[in-house]
């Protein structure tokens, strides 16, 4: 099983964390998303030309949500809570991140280099930060649910980005953010340097 990941791709990091939560042994193939030759190779590996892509034989799973679902099935449900209702909430939180927070992504691009903290927060960014705060305040413990899962994999990268830009969160939301930032699996993902 090969996981194709890209440089500075937060979706790639999320997929890798999910693979680790599932206990899957994956071979990583890094793609330099600034290199035209690497991007041409990626187009040969993934029908969308995007990362991440999970290659299993001649099957390609080419979306981070689908990859998370695959790893959940691979691990007999390790990525989501057992309760059907909590599982539905977890999936909706992952889908919300997958489709949303566009202003946050645009104004605070992911970086492994030092960034300048934002001093001016637009009303659109404030709205998105308020929603992130609401989500983070739903936490049950150090992780969103009883054990680390897909939600933590997805929002851990966002917690890193929010800390990087020194964006404000409520005290309760900061507890979850800090727990995610201290999570060894998130630290390992950031250390991959992809």
C-alpha atoms as a PDB file:
ATOM      1  CA  UNK A   1       0.000   0.000   0.000  1.00  0.00           C
ATOM      2  CA  UNK A   2       1.486   3.322  -1.070  1.00  0.00           C
ATOM      3  CA  UNK A   3       0.398   6.762   0.107  1.00  0.00           C
ATOM      4  CA  UNK A   4       1.319   9.531  -2.313  1.00  0.00           C
ATOM      5  CA  UNK A   5       1.776  12.789  -0.411  1.00  0.00           C
ATOM      6  CA  UNK A   6       2.750  16.298  -1.420  1.00  0.00           C
ATOM      7  CA  UNK A   7       4.948  19.030  -0.053  1.00  0.00           C
ATOM      8  CA  UNK A   8       3.068  21.316   2.342  1.00  0.00           C
ATOM      9  CA  UNK A   9      -0.151  19.387   1.720  1.00  0.00           C
ATOM     10  CA  UNK A  10      -2.236  19.409   4.872  1.00  0.00           C
ATOM     11  CA  UNK A  11      -4.534  16.813   3.307  1.00  0.00           C
ATOM     12  CA  UNK A  12      -1.549  14.499   2.875  1.00  0.00           C
ATOM     13  CA  UNK A  13      -0.643  14.903   6.546  1.00  0.00           C
ATOM     14  CA  UNK A  14      -4.220  14.112   7.558  1.00  0.00           C
ATOM     15  CA  UNK A  15      -4.229  10.953   5.433  1.00  0.00           C
ATOM     16  CA  UNK A  16      -0.895   9.847   6.916  1.00  0.00           C
ATOM     17  CA  UNK A  17      -2.172  10.357  10.478  1.00  0.00           C
ATOM     18  CA  UNK A  18      -5.251   8.281   9.617  1.00  0.00           C
ATOM     19  CA  UNK A  19      -3.012   5.512   8.264  1.00  0.00           C
ATOM     20  CA  UNK A  20      -1.116   5.465  11.544  1.00  0.00           C
ATOM     21  CA  UNK A  21      -4.297   5.427  13.638  1.00  0.00           C
ATOM     22  CA  UNK A  22      -5.415   2.437  11.564  1.00  0.00           C
ATOM     23  CA  UNK A  23      -2.114   0.618  12.086  1.00  0.00           C
ATOM     24  CA  UNK A  24      -1.591   0.409   8.325  1.00  0.00           C
ATOM     25  CA  UNK A  25       1.890  -0.009   6.951  1.00  0.00           C
ATOM     26  CA  UNK A  26       2.181   2.486   4.117  1.00  0.00           C
ATOM     27  CA  UNK A  27       5.048   3.316   1.853  1.00  0.00           C
ATOM     28  CA  UNK A  28       5.222   7.085   1.414  1.00  0.00           C
ATOM     29  CA  UNK A  29       5.918   8.599  -1.971  1.00  0.00           C
ATOM     30  CA  UNK A  30       6.620  12.304  -1.745  1.00  0.00           C
ATOM     31  CA  UNK A  31       5.707  14.663  -4.556  1.00  0.00           C
ATOM     32  CA  UNK A  32       7.254  18.113  -4.752  1.00  0.00           C
ATOM     33  CA  UNK A  33       4.220  20.159  -5.697  1.00  0.00           C
ATOM     34  CA  UNK A  34       6.488  22.941  -7.001  1.00  0.00           C
ATOM     35  CA  UNK A  35       8.198  20.608  -9.493  1.00  0.00           C
ATOM     36  CA  UNK A  36       6.618  20.244 -12.927  1.00  0.00           C
ATOM     37  CA  UNK A  37       8.165  16.789 -13.387  1.00  0.00           C
ATOM     38  CA  UNK A  38       6.805  15.621 -10.012  1.00  0.00           C
ATOM     39  CA  UNK A  39       3.359  17.019 -10.854  1.00  0.00           C
ATOM     40  CA  UNK A  40       3.473  15.165 -14.188  1.00  0.00           C
ATOM     41  CA  UNK A  41       4.296  11.966 -12.270  1.00  0.00           C
ATOM     42  CA  UNK A  42       1.402  12.681  -9.899  1.00  0.00           C
ATOM     43  CA  UNK A  43      -1.006  12.929 -12.841  1.00  0.00           C
ATOM     44  CA  UNK A  44       0.090   9.404 -13.782  1.00  0.00           C
ATOM     45  CA  UNK A  45      -0.608   8.153 -10.245  1.00  0.00           C
ATOM     46  CA  UNK A  46      -3.862   9.943  -9.407  1.00  0.00           C
ATOM     47  CA  UNK A  47      -6.776  10.654 -11.761  1.00  0.00           C
ATOM     48  CA  UNK A  48      -7.273  14.083 -10.178  1.00  0.00           C
ATOM     49  CA  UNK A  49      -3.589  15.023 -10.178  1.00  0.00           C
ATOM     50  CA  UNK A  50      -4.009  15.872  -6.497  1.00  0.00           C
ATOM     51  CA  UNK A  51      -2.605  14.543  -3.238  1.00  0.00           C
ATOM     52  CA  UNK A  52      -3.109  12.510  -1.210  1.00  0.00           C
ATOM     53  CA  UNK A  53      -3.652   9.359  -3.208  1.00  0.00           C
ATOM     54  CA  UNK A  54      -3.704   5.867  -1.757  1.00  0.00           C
ATOM     55  CA  UNK A  55      -2.482   3.195  -4.172  1.00  0.00           C
ATOM     56  CA  UNK A  56      -3.459  -0.407  -3.485  1.00  0.00           C
ATOM     57  CA  UNK A  57      -2.591  -2.627  -6.410  1.00  0.00           C
ATOM     58  CA  UNK A  58      -4.182  -0.938  -9.411  1.00  0.00           C
ATOM     59  CA  UNK A  59      -6.836   0.812  -7.298  1.00  0.00           C
ATOM     60  CA  UNK A  60      -6.422   4.523  -6.513  1.00  0.00           C
ATOM     61  CA  UNK A  61      -8.308   6.184  -3.669  1.00  0.00           C
ATOM     62  CA  UNK A  62      -7.810   9.872  -4.371  1.00  0.00           C
ATOM     63  CA  UNK A  63      -9.524  11.941  -1.698  1.00  0.00           C
ATOM     64  CA  UNK A  64      -8.588  12.482   1.941  1.00  0.00           C
ATOM     65  CA  UNK A  65     -12.113  11.736   3.221  1.00  0.00           C
ATOM     66  CA  UNK A  66     -12.312   8.532   1.198  1.00  0.00           C
ATOM     67  CA  UNK A  67      -8.831   7.571   2.396  1.00  0.00           C
ATOM     68  CA  UNK A  68      -9.897   8.143   6.013  1.00  0.00           C
ATOM     69  CA  UNK A  69     -12.972   5.964   5.421  1.00  0.00           C
ATOM     70  CA  UNK A  70     -10.812   3.240   3.891  1.00  0.00           C
ATOM     71  CA  UNK A  71      -8.459   3.276   6.877  1.00  0.00           C
ATOM     72  CA  UNK A  72     -11.458   3.170   9.213  1.00  0.00           C
ATOM     73  CA  UNK A  73     -12.715   0.018   7.468  1.00  0.00           C
ATOM     74  CA  UNK A  74      -9.167  -1.402   7.279  1.00  0.00           C
ATOM     75  CA  UNK A  75      -8.877  -1.089  11.061  1.00  0.00           C
ATOM     76  CA  UNK A  76     -12.382  -2.358  11.907  1.00  0.00           C
ATOM     77  CA  UNK A  77     -13.571   1.083  12.947  1.00  0.00           C
ATOM     78  CA  UNK A  78     -10.567   2.555  14.772  1.00  0.00           C
ATOM     79  CA  UNK A  79     -10.970   6.059  13.320  1.00  0.00           C
ATOM     80  CA  UNK A  80     -14.528   6.819  14.437  1.00  0.00           C
ATOM     81  CA  UNK A  81     -16.493   6.405  17.663  1.00  0.00           C
ATOM     82  CA  UNK A  82     -18.519   3.212  18.102  1.00  0.00           C
ATOM     83  CA  UNK A  83     -21.785   5.023  18.798  1.00  0.00           C
ATOM     84  CA  UNK A  84     -23.729   5.541  15.560  1.00  0.00           C
ATOM     85  CA  UNK A  85     -24.674   9.073  16.616  1.00  0.00           C
ATOM     86  CA  UNK A  86     -21.121  10.054  17.593  1.00  0.00           C
ATOM     87  CA  UNK A  87     -19.835   8.471  14.385  1.00  0.00           C
ATOM     88  CA  UNK A  88     -22.256  10.624  12.380  1.00  0.00           C
ATOM     89  CA  UNK A  89     -21.094  13.736  14.258  1.00  0.00           C
ATOM     90  CA  UNK A  90     -17.451  12.800  13.658  1.00  0.00           C
ATOM     91  CA  UNK A  91     -18.046  12.310   9.951  1.00  0.00           C
ATOM     92  CA  UNK A  92     -19.892  15.610   9.670  1.00  0.00           C
ATOM     93  CA  UNK A  93     -17.037  17.431  11.442  1.00  0.00           C
ATOM     94  CA  UNK A  94     -14.506  15.914   9.028  1.00  0.00           C
ATOM     95  CA  UNK A  95     -16.700  16.812   6.053  1.00  0.00           C
ATOM     96  CA  UNK A  96     -17.128  20.366   7.367  1.00  0.00           C
ATOM     97  CA  UNK A  97     -13.369  20.829   7.510  1.00  0.00           C
ATOM     98  CA  UNK A  98     -12.934  19.180   4.114  1.00  0.00           C
ATOM     99  CA  UNK A  99     -15.378  21.590   2.465  1.00  0.00           C
ATOM    100  CA  UNK A 100     -15.062  24.692   4.613  1.00  0.00           C
ATOM    101  CA  UNK A 101     -12.818  27.209   6.330  1.00  0.00           C
ATOM    102  CA  UNK A 102     -11.796  28.658   2.980  1.00  0.00           C
ATOM    103  CA  UNK A 103     -10.927  32.098   4.367  1.00  0.00           C
ATOM    104  CA  UNK A 104      -8.736  30.562   7.070  1.00  0.00           C
ATOM    105  CA  UNK A 105      -6.862  28.550   4.442  1.00  0.00           C
ATOM    106  CA  UNK A 106      -6.455  31.529   2.130  1.00  0.00           C
ATOM    107  CA  UNK A 107      -5.356  34.044   4.762  1.00  0.00           C
ATOM    108  CA  UNK A 108      -3.261  31.603   6.796  1.00  0.00           C
ATOM    109  CA  UNK A 109      -1.503  29.230   4.404  1.00  0.00           C
ATOM    110  CA  UNK A 110       0.125  26.183   5.954  1.00  0.00           C
ATOM    111  CA  UNK A 111       3.860  26.576   6.420  1.00  0.00           C
ATOM    112  CA  UNK A 112       6.696  24.754   8.095  1.00  0.00           C
ATOM    113  CA  UNK A 113       8.649  28.024   8.213  1.00  0.00           C
ATOM    114  CA  UNK A 114       8.017  30.825  10.728  1.00  0.00           C
ATOM    115  CA  UNK A 115       5.061  33.010   9.733  1.00  0.00           C
ATOM    116  CA  UNK A 116       4.006  36.473  10.770  1.00  0.00           C
ATOM    117  CA  UNK A 117       1.083  36.339  13.211  1.00  0.00           C
ATOM    118  CA  UNK A 118      -2.087  37.961  11.942  1.00  0.00           C
ATOM    119  CA  UNK A 119      -2.854  41.239  13.665  1.00  0.00           C
ATOM    120  CA  UNK A 120      -5.931  42.127  11.595  1.00  0.00           C
ATOM    121  CA  UNK A 121      -8.737  39.585  11.472  1.00  0.00           C
ATOM    122  CA  UNK A 122     -11.370  40.077   8.787  1.00  0.00           C
ATOM    123  CA  UNK A 123     -15.042  39.505   9.585  1.00  0.00           C
ATOM    124  CA  UNK A 124     -15.039  36.372   7.373  1.00  0.00           C
ATOM    125  CA  UNK A 125     -12.032  34.972   9.212  1.00  0.00           C
ATOM    126  CA  UNK A 126     -13.588  35.879  12.570  1.00  0.00           C
ATOM    127  CA  UNK A 127     -16.737  33.983  11.575  1.00  0.00           C
ATOM    128  CA  UNK A 128     -14.701  30.877  10.690  1.00  0.00           C
ATOM    129  CA  UNK A 129     -12.626  31.126  13.878  1.00  0.00           C
ATOM    130  CA  UNK A 130     -15.833  31.320  15.906  1.00  0.00           C
ATOM    131  CA  UNK A 131     -16.985  28.087  14.274  1.00  0.00           C
ATOM    132  CA  UNK A 132     -13.629  26.415  14.952  1.00  0.00           C
ATOM    133  CA  UNK A 133     -13.947  27.549  18.575  1.00  0.00           C
ATOM    134  CA  UNK A 134     -17.426  25.991  18.811  1.00  0.00           C
ATOM    135  CA  UNK A 135     -16.100  22.719  17.407  1.00  0.00           C
ATOM    136  CA  UNK A 136     -13.065  22.664  19.691  1.00  0.00           C
ATOM    137  CA  UNK A 137     -15.323  23.272  22.707  1.00  0.00           C
ATOM    138  CA  UNK A 138     -17.205  20.015  21.958  1.00  0.00           C
ATOM    139  CA  UNK A 139     -14.145  18.002  23.004  1.00  0.00           C
ATOM    140  CA  UNK A 140     -14.652  15.137  25.471  1.00  0.00           C
ATOM    141  CA  UNK A 141     -11.081  14.925  26.767  1.00  0.00           C
ATOM    142  CA  UNK A 142      -7.708  15.316  25.162  1.00  0.00           C
ATOM    143  CA  UNK A 143      -9.342  14.054  21.946  1.00  0.00           C
ATOM    144  CA  UNK A 144     -12.692  14.913  20.414  1.00  0.00           C
ATOM    145  CA  UNK A 145     -14.167  11.553  21.382  1.00  0.00           C
ATOM    146  CA  UNK A 146     -12.993   8.779  23.713  1.00  0.00           C
ATOM    147  CA  UNK A 147      -9.882   7.939  21.702  1.00  0.00           C
ATOM    148  CA  UNK A 148      -7.895   9.636  18.933  1.00  0.00           C
ATOM    149  CA  UNK A 149      -9.572   9.394  15.558  1.00  0.00           C
ATOM    150  CA  UNK A 150     -10.236  10.973  12.189  1.00  0.00           C
ATOM    151  CA  UNK A 151     -11.601  14.202  13.691  1.00  0.00           C
ATOM    152  CA  UNK A 152      -8.375  14.727  15.609  1.00  0.00           C
ATOM    153  CA  UNK A 153      -6.315  13.907  12.505  1.00  0.00           C
ATOM    154  CA  UNK A 154      -8.273  16.450  10.484  1.00  0.00           C
ATOM    155  CA  UNK A 155      -8.425  19.212  13.088  1.00  0.00           C
ATOM    156  CA  UNK A 156      -4.905  18.662  14.457  1.00  0.00           C
ATOM    157  CA  UNK A 157      -3.436  20.264  11.352  1.00  0.00           C
ATOM    158  CA  UNK A 158      -5.871  23.164  11.742  1.00  0.00           C
ATOM    159  CA  UNK A 159      -4.848  23.543  15.403  1.00  0.00           C
ATOM    160  CA  UNK A 160      -1.225  23.794  14.247  1.00  0.00           C
ATOM    161  CA  UNK A 161      -2.115  26.464  11.683  1.00  0.00           C
ATOM    162  CA  UNK A 162      -4.114  28.489  14.222  1.00  0.00           C
ATOM    163  CA  UNK A 163      -1.205  28.369  16.675  1.00  0.00           C
ATOM    164  CA  UNK A 164       1.256  29.274  13.939  1.00  0.00           C
ATOM    165  CA  UNK A 165      -0.643  32.464  13.125  1.00  0.00           C
ATOM    166  CA  UNK A 166      -1.387  33.158  16.815  1.00  0.00           C
ATOM    167  CA  UNK A 167      -5.123  33.305  16.164  1.00  0.00           C
ATOM    168  CA  UNK A 168      -7.443  33.739  19.142  1.00  0.00           C
ATOM    169  CA  UNK A 169      -9.445  30.912  20.677  1.00  0.00           C
ATOM    170  CA  UNK A 170     -11.437  30.696  23.894  1.00  0.00           C
ATOM    171  CA  UNK A 171      -9.746  29.081  26.899  1.00  0.00           C
ATOM    172  CA  UNK A 172     -11.785  25.879  26.521  1.00  0.00           C
ATOM    173  CA  UNK A 173     -10.982  25.640  22.810  1.00  0.00           C
ATOM    174  CA  UNK A 174      -7.302  26.246  23.568  1.00  0.00           C
ATOM    175  CA  UNK A 175      -7.272  23.139  25.794  1.00  0.00           C
ATOM    176  CA  UNK A 176      -8.155  20.958  22.818  1.00  0.00           C
ATOM    177  CA  UNK A 177      -5.744  22.862  20.584  1.00  0.00           C
ATOM    178  CA  UNK A 178      -2.912  22.334  23.078  1.00  0.00           C
ATOM    179  CA  UNK A 179      -3.757  18.637  23.457  1.00  0.00           C
ATOM    180  CA  UNK A 180      -3.582  18.235  19.689  1.00  0.00           C
ATOM    181  CA  UNK A 181      -0.304  20.154  19.450  1.00  0.00           C
ATOM    182  CA  UNK A 182       1.170  17.857  22.137  1.00  0.00           C
ATOM    183  CA  UNK A 183      -0.122  14.721  20.377  1.00  0.00           C
ATOM    184  CA  UNK A 184       2.928  12.688  19.292  1.00  0.00           C
ATOM    185  CA  UNK A 185       1.228  11.578  16.070  1.00  0.00           C
ATOM    186  CA  UNK A 186       0.648  15.182  14.976  1.00  0.00           C
ATOM    187  CA  UNK A 187       4.251  16.024  15.859  1.00  0.00           C
ATOM    188  CA  UNK A 188       5.454  13.048  13.775  1.00  0.00           C
ATOM    189  CA  UNK A 189       3.312  14.182  10.836  1.00  0.00           C
ATOM    190  CA  UNK A 190       4.738  17.705  10.964  1.00  0.00           C
ATOM    191  CA  UNK A 191       8.255  16.241  11.228  1.00  0.00           C
ATOM    192  CA  UNK A 192       7.727  14.320   7.961  1.00  0.00           C
ATOM    193  CA  UNK A 193       8.438  17.611   6.169  1.00  0.00           C
ATOM    194  CA  UNK A 194       6.315  16.713   3.173  1.00  0.00           C
END
